[in-house]
Amino acid sequence: MKSIKNQKIKMIRIETNRLIIRDVEASDFDRLLLIYNKKENMQFISSGRYDWNKTELIEKYQKINKDYAKGSGIFVAEEKKTKTIIGEAGLFNSYNDPKILEVGYIIDITFQKKGFGSEICTALIHYSFTELGVKEIIARMYANNKASVHLSEKVGMNRITTGYTSDLKAYYVYSIKKEK
């Protein structure tokens, strides 16, 4: 297994009023593991898993970040003032088209309902459109994830699809396109 320290990854640094969104560092995994192992943090993630170990988490980050085009991947969301990792944020090439990226995030339950999700999504959308030349951002979520549904609409996304997973869970797909 390659060490995160030895990877040559450009540090992504997006600053908002309260957050820094940056590439993961080896020292971040203990905090990320605490976030990943809380059921309430993972309840709306597709696998719903909350029994991660550090090796699995490192491998997940390496796999996702290894093959991604410059600028996309999975990042740490850190509160500026306290330097506390509050969660993760990602831009994923889910559609095999570098002009269409999917946005996603996990925020620790302690930091939910404080506007951080909106701050993360707004920053990633702006970054994608202005720095990466992306034409469309997609967000997918379970229909019962009311907070993410509200957030998607708050940041200007429109629902484009309603569907059901193979285990009959309702989901939505939201989209926002770059204005010409």
C-alpha atoms as a PDB file:
ATOM      1  CA  MET A   1       0.000   0.000   0.000  1.00  0.00           C
ATOM      2  CA  LYS A   2       1.377   3.405  -0.959  1.00  0.00           C
ATOM      3  CA  SER A   3       1.664   5.977   1.760  1.00  0.00           C
ATOM      4  CA  ILE A   4      -0.448   9.121   1.464  1.00  0.00           C
ATOM      5  CA  LYS A   5       2.714  11.077   2.394  1.00  0.00           C
ATOM      6  CA  ASN A   6       4.503   9.835  -0.726  1.00  0.00           C
ATOM      7  CA  GLN A   7       1.777  10.768  -3.179  1.00  0.00           C
ATOM      8  CA  LYS A   8       2.384  13.818  -5.331  1.00  0.00           C
ATOM      9  CA  ILE A   9      -1.028  15.464  -5.122  1.00  0.00           C
ATOM     10  CA  LYS A  10      -1.608  19.149  -5.651  1.00  0.00           C
ATOM     11  CA  MET A  11      -2.979  20.719  -2.491  1.00  0.00           C
ATOM     12  CA  ILE A  12      -6.461  22.028  -3.181  1.00  0.00           C
ATOM     13  CA  ARG A  13      -7.209  25.012  -1.037  1.00  0.00           C
ATOM     14  CA  ILE A  14     -10.581  26.659  -1.253  1.00  0.00           C
ATOM     15  CA  GLU A  15     -11.246  29.194   1.437  1.00  0.00           C
ATOM     16  CA  THR A  16     -14.679  30.345   2.502  1.00  0.00           C
ATOM     17  CA  ASN A  17     -15.607  32.625   5.384  1.00  0.00           C
ATOM     18  CA  ARG A  18     -15.284  29.784   7.896  1.00  0.00           C
ATOM     19  CA  LEU A  19     -13.700  26.838   6.098  1.00  0.00           C
ATOM     20  CA  ILE A  20     -10.682  25.558   4.240  1.00  0.00           C
ATOM     21  CA  ILE A  21     -11.312  22.730   1.784  1.00  0.00           C
ATOM     22  CA  ARG A  22      -8.029  20.968   1.107  1.00  0.00           C
ATOM     23  CA  ASP A  23      -6.400  17.688   0.157  1.00  0.00           C
ATOM     24  CA  VAL A  24      -6.184  15.080   2.869  1.00  0.00           C
ATOM     25  CA  GLU A  25      -2.944  14.646   4.784  1.00  0.00           C
ATOM     26  CA  ALA A  26      -1.794  11.499   6.590  1.00  0.00           C
ATOM     27  CA  SER A  27      -2.414  13.165   9.957  1.00  0.00           C
ATOM     28  CA  ASP A  28      -6.119  13.709   9.089  1.00  0.00           C
ATOM     29  CA  PHE A  29      -7.195  10.070   9.115  1.00  0.00           C
ATOM     30  CA  ASP A  30      -7.702   9.665  12.851  1.00  0.00           C
ATOM     31  CA  ARG A  31     -10.238  12.521  12.844  1.00  0.00           C
ATOM     32  CA  LEU A  32     -11.862  11.324   9.610  1.00  0.00           C
ATOM     33  CA  LEU A  33     -12.202   7.845  11.094  1.00  0.00           C
ATOM     34  CA  LEU A  34     -14.168   9.280  14.024  1.00  0.00           C
ATOM     35  CA  ILE A  35     -16.531  10.942  11.537  1.00  0.00           C
ATOM     36  CA  TYR A  36     -16.905   7.789   9.426  1.00  0.00           C
ATOM     37  CA  ASN A  37     -17.679   5.630  12.461  1.00  0.00           C
ATOM     38  CA  LYS A  38     -20.729   7.573  13.649  1.00  0.00           C
ATOM     39  CA  LYS A  39     -23.980   6.089  12.414  1.00  0.00           C
ATOM     40  CA  GLU A  40     -25.701   9.482  12.303  1.00  0.00           C
ATOM     41  CA  ASN A  41     -22.986  10.843   9.990  1.00  0.00           C
ATOM     42  CA  MET A  42     -23.247   7.950   7.553  1.00  0.00           C
ATOM     43  CA  GLN A  43     -27.002   7.269   7.490  1.00  0.00           C
ATOM     44  CA  PHE A  44     -27.535   8.961   4.115  1.00  0.00           C
ATOM     45  CA  ILE A  45     -24.371   7.661   2.420  1.00  0.00           C
ATOM     46  CA  SER A  46     -25.174   4.951  -0.132  1.00  0.00           C
ATOM     47  CA  SER A  47     -23.423   2.110   1.700  1.00  0.00           C
ATOM     48  CA  GLY A  48     -24.577   3.356   5.114  1.00  0.00           C
ATOM     49  CA  ARG A  49     -21.434   1.815   6.576  1.00  0.00           C
ATOM     50  CA  TYR A  50     -20.126   3.146   9.866  1.00  0.00           C
ATOM     51  CA  ASP A  51     -17.616   0.451  10.852  1.00  0.00           C
ATOM     52  CA  TRP A  52     -14.515   1.663   9.021  1.00  0.00           C
ATOM     53  CA  ASN A  53     -10.926   1.033  10.023  1.00  0.00           C
ATOM     54  CA  LYS A  54      -8.041   3.354   9.240  1.00  0.00           C
ATOM     55  CA  THR A  55      -6.557   1.153   6.498  1.00  0.00           C
ATOM     56  CA  GLU A  56      -9.910   0.970   4.666  1.00  0.00           C
ATOM     57  CA  LEU A  57     -10.373   4.721   4.904  1.00  0.00           C
ATOM     58  CA  ILE A  58      -6.875   5.458   3.586  1.00  0.00           C
ATOM     59  CA  GLU A  59      -7.447   3.025   0.705  1.00  0.00           C
ATOM     60  CA  LYS A  60     -10.774   4.699  -0.114  1.00  0.00           C
ATOM     61  CA  TYR A  61      -9.136   8.117  -0.338  1.00  0.00           C
ATOM     62  CA  GLN A  62      -6.238   6.753  -2.393  1.00  0.00           C
ATOM     63  CA  LYS A  63      -8.582   4.984  -4.818  1.00  0.00           C
ATOM     64  CA  ILE A  64     -10.836   7.983  -5.306  1.00  0.00           C
ATOM     65  CA  ASN A  65      -8.031  10.517  -5.602  1.00  0.00           C
ATOM     66  CA  LYS A  66      -5.665   8.375  -7.693  1.00  0.00           C
ATOM     67  CA  ASP A  67      -7.331   8.539 -11.078  1.00  0.00           C
ATOM     68  CA  TYR A  68      -9.173  11.804 -10.889  1.00  0.00           C
ATOM     69  CA  ALA A  69      -8.564  14.710 -13.184  1.00  0.00           C
ATOM     70  CA  LYS A  70      -6.781  17.700 -11.763  1.00  0.00           C
ATOM     71  CA  GLY A  71      -8.986  19.417  -9.239  1.00  0.00           C
ATOM     72  CA  SER A  72     -11.562  16.747  -8.548  1.00  0.00           C
ATOM     73  CA  GLY A  73     -11.414  14.207  -5.751  1.00  0.00           C
ATOM     74  CA  ILE A  74     -12.272  13.966  -2.095  1.00  0.00           C
ATOM     75  CA  PHE A  75     -11.061  16.645   0.293  1.00  0.00           C
ATOM     76  CA  VAL A  76     -11.050  17.571   3.958  1.00  0.00           C
ATOM     77  CA  ALA A  77     -13.316  20.351   5.211  1.00  0.00           C
ATOM     78  CA  GLU A  78     -11.590  22.151   8.062  1.00  0.00           C
ATOM     79  CA  GLU A  79     -12.913  24.957  10.222  1.00  0.00           C
ATOM     80  CA  LYS A  80     -10.523  27.898   9.825  1.00  0.00           C
ATOM     81  CA  LYS A  81     -10.782  29.289  13.328  1.00  0.00           C
ATOM     82  CA  THR A  82     -10.180  26.049  15.254  1.00  0.00           C
ATOM     83  CA  LYS A  83      -8.366  23.968  12.577  1.00  0.00           C
ATOM     84  CA  THR A  84     -10.915  21.210  13.335  1.00  0.00           C
ATOM     85  CA  ILE A  85     -11.809  18.795  10.558  1.00  0.00           C
ATOM     86  CA  ILE A  86     -15.597  18.946  10.381  1.00  0.00           C
ATOM     87  CA  GLY A  87     -16.001  16.519   7.485  1.00  0.00           C
ATOM     88  CA  GLU A  88     -15.174  15.900   3.879  1.00  0.00           C
ATOM     89  CA  ALA A  89     -16.213  17.356   0.555  1.00  0.00           C
ATOM     90  CA  GLY A  90     -15.811  15.887  -2.875  1.00  0.00           C
ATOM     91  CA  LEU A  91     -16.052  16.461  -6.589  1.00  0.00           C
ATOM     92  CA  PHE A  92     -16.487  13.179  -8.409  1.00  0.00           C
ATOM     93  CA  ASN A  93     -16.298  12.340 -12.110  1.00  0.00           C
ATOM     94  CA  SER A  94     -19.253   9.952 -11.780  1.00  0.00           C
ATOM     95  CA  TYR A  95     -20.358  10.415 -15.377  1.00  0.00           C
ATOM     96  CA  ASN A  96     -16.963   9.868 -17.081  1.00  0.00           C
ATOM     97  CA  ASP A  97     -17.159  13.404 -18.395  1.00  0.00           C
ATOM     98  CA  PRO A  98     -14.788  16.021 -16.959  1.00  0.00           C
ATOM     99  CA  LYS A  99     -17.368  18.717 -17.761  1.00  0.00           C
ATOM    100  CA  ILE A 100     -19.941  17.111 -15.417  1.00  0.00           C
ATOM    101  CA  LEU A 101     -18.949  16.536 -11.801  1.00  0.00           C
ATOM    102  CA  GLU A 102     -20.905  15.253  -8.843  1.00  0.00           C
ATOM    103  CA  VAL A 103     -20.662  17.089  -5.528  1.00  0.00           C
ATOM    104  CA  GLY A 104     -20.854  15.258  -2.223  1.00  0.00           C
ATOM    105  CA  TYR A 105     -20.034  15.819   1.426  1.00  0.00           C
ATOM    106  CA  ILE A 106     -20.129  14.297   4.897  1.00  0.00           C
ATOM    107  CA  ILE A 107     -20.329  16.654   7.868  1.00  0.00           C
ATOM    108  CA  ASP A 108     -19.869  15.460  11.427  1.00  0.00           C
ATOM    109  CA  ILE A 109     -23.124  15.564  13.399  1.00  0.00           C
ATOM    110  CA  THR A 110     -21.534  18.060  15.826  1.00  0.00           C
ATOM    111  CA  PHE A 111     -21.213  20.599  12.996  1.00  0.00           C
ATOM    112  CA  GLN A 112     -24.504  20.004  11.196  1.00  0.00           C
ATOM    113  CA  LYS A 113     -27.242  22.652  11.058  1.00  0.00           C
ATOM    114  CA  LYS A 114     -24.695  25.479  11.175  1.00  0.00           C
ATOM    115  CA  GLY A 115     -24.585  26.369   7.472  1.00  0.00           C
ATOM    116  CA  PHE A 116     -21.361  24.490   6.702  1.00  0.00           C
ATOM    117  CA  GLY A 117     -23.014  22.301   4.045  1.00  0.00           C
ATOM    118  CA  SER A 118     -24.181  25.361   2.148  1.00  0.00           C
ATOM    119  CA  GLU A 119     -20.753  26.940   2.448  1.00  0.00           C
ATOM    120  CA  ILE A 120     -19.053  23.764   1.163  1.00  0.00           C
ATOM    121  CA  CYS A 121     -21.416  23.260  -1.787  1.00  0.00           C
ATOM    122  CA  THR A 122     -21.394  26.904  -2.842  1.00  0.00           C
ATOM    123  CA  ALA A 123     -17.587  26.935  -2.770  1.00  0.00           C
ATOM    124  CA  LEU A 124     -17.234  23.665  -4.711  1.00  0.00           C
ATOM    125  CA  ILE A 125     -19.744  24.765  -7.352  1.00  0.00           C
ATOM    126  CA  HIS A 126     -17.967  28.087  -7.814  1.00  0.00           C
ATOM    127  CA  TYR A 127     -14.553  26.368  -7.914  1.00  0.00           C
ATOM    128  CA  SER A 128     -15.796  23.833 -10.469  1.00  0.00           C
ATOM    129  CA  PHE A 129     -17.235  26.449 -12.792  1.00  0.00           C
ATOM    130  CA  THR A 130     -14.438  29.024 -12.527  1.00  0.00           C
ATOM    131  CA  GLU A 131     -11.292  26.915 -12.041  1.00  0.00           C
ATOM    132  CA  LEU A 132     -12.067  23.539 -13.606  1.00  0.00           C
ATOM    133  CA  GLY A 133     -14.200  24.613 -16.566  1.00  0.00           C
ATOM    134  CA  VAL A 134     -17.034  22.317 -15.533  1.00  0.00           C
ATOM    135  CA  LYS A 135     -20.385  22.900 -17.259  1.00  0.00           C
ATOM    136  CA  GLU A 136     -22.695  21.034 -14.831  1.00  0.00           C
ATOM    137  CA  ILE A 137     -22.677  19.914 -11.200  1.00  0.00           C
ATOM    138  CA  ILE A 138     -24.858  17.010 -10.063  1.00  0.00           C
ATOM    139  CA  ALA A 139     -25.905  16.036  -6.535  1.00  0.00           C
ATOM    140  CA  ARG A 140     -27.581  12.728  -5.725  1.00  0.00           C
ATOM    141  CA  MET A 141     -29.323  11.980  -2.447  1.00  0.00           C
ATOM    142  CA  TYR A 142     -31.950   9.818  -0.834  1.00  0.00           C
ATOM    143  CA  ALA A 143     -35.339  11.529  -0.912  1.00  0.00           C
ATOM    144  CA  ASN A 144     -35.649  11.270   2.874  1.00  0.00           C
ATOM    145  CA  ASN A 145     -32.424  13.248   3.342  1.00  0.00           C
ATOM    146  CA  LYS A 146     -34.364  16.452   3.885  1.00  0.00           C
ATOM    147  CA  ALA A 147     -31.288  18.501   4.804  1.00  0.00           C
ATOM    148  CA  SER A 148     -29.502  17.688   1.516  1.00  0.00           C
ATOM    149  CA  VAL A 149     -32.670  18.260  -0.507  1.00  0.00           C
ATOM    150  CA  HIS A 150     -33.075  21.696   1.113  1.00  0.00           C
ATOM    151  CA  LEU A 151     -29.380  22.468   0.670  1.00  0.00           C
ATOM    152  CA  SER A 152     -29.417  21.541  -3.030  1.00  0.00           C
ATOM    153  CA  GLU A 153     -32.312  23.899  -3.633  1.00  0.00           C
ATOM    154  CA  LYS A 154     -30.723  26.623  -1.485  1.00  0.00           C
ATOM    155  CA  VAL A 155     -27.536  26.644  -3.602  1.00  0.00           C
ATOM    156  CA  GLY A 156     -29.544  26.959  -6.832  1.00  0.00           C
ATOM    157  CA  MET A 157     -29.816  23.353  -7.977  1.00  0.00           C
ATOM    158  CA  ASN A 158     -32.934  21.969  -9.635  1.00  0.00           C
ATOM    159  CA  ARG A 159     -34.314  18.467  -9.285  1.00  0.00           C
ATOM    160  CA  ILE A 160     -33.933  16.665 -12.613  1.00  0.00           C
ATOM    161  CA  THR A 161     -34.666  13.045 -11.649  1.00  0.00           C
ATOM    162  CA  THR A 162     -36.611  11.029  -9.117  1.00  0.00           C
ATOM    163  CA  GLY A 163     -35.973   7.320  -8.952  1.00  0.00           C
ATOM    164  CA  TYR A 164     -35.657   4.222  -6.811  1.00  0.00           C
ATOM    165  CA  THR A 165     -32.607   2.178  -5.886  1.00  0.00           C
ATOM    166  CA  SER A 166     -32.599  -1.602  -6.318  1.00  0.00           C
ATOM    167  CA  ASP A 167     -33.744  -1.895  -2.683  1.00  0.00           C
ATOM    168  CA  LEU A 168     -36.628   0.545  -3.384  1.00  0.00           C
ATOM    169  CA  LYS A 169     -35.237   3.620  -1.631  1.00  0.00           C
ATOM    170  CA  ALA A 170     -36.391   6.829  -3.301  1.00  0.00           C
ATOM    171  CA  TYR A 171     -33.657   9.161  -4.504  1.00  0.00           C
ATOM    172  CA  TYR A 172     -33.337  12.516  -6.224  1.00  0.00           C
ATOM    173  CA  VAL A 173     -30.804  13.918  -8.647  1.00  0.00           C
ATOM    174  CA  TYR A 174     -30.227  17.672  -8.624  1.00  0.00           C
ATOM    175  CA  SER A 175     -28.290  19.734 -11.157  1.00  0.00           C
ATOM    176  CA  ILE A 176     -26.901  23.202 -11.667  1.00  0.00           C
ATOM    177  CA  LYS A 177     -25.420  24.341 -14.971  1.00  0.00           C
ATOM    178  CA  LYS A 178     -22.853  27.029 -15.536  1.00  0.00           C
ATOM    179  CA  GLU A 179     -24.457  30.220 -16.737  1.00  0.00           C
ATOM    180  CA  LYS A 180     -23.239  31.333 -20.148  1.00  0.00           C
END
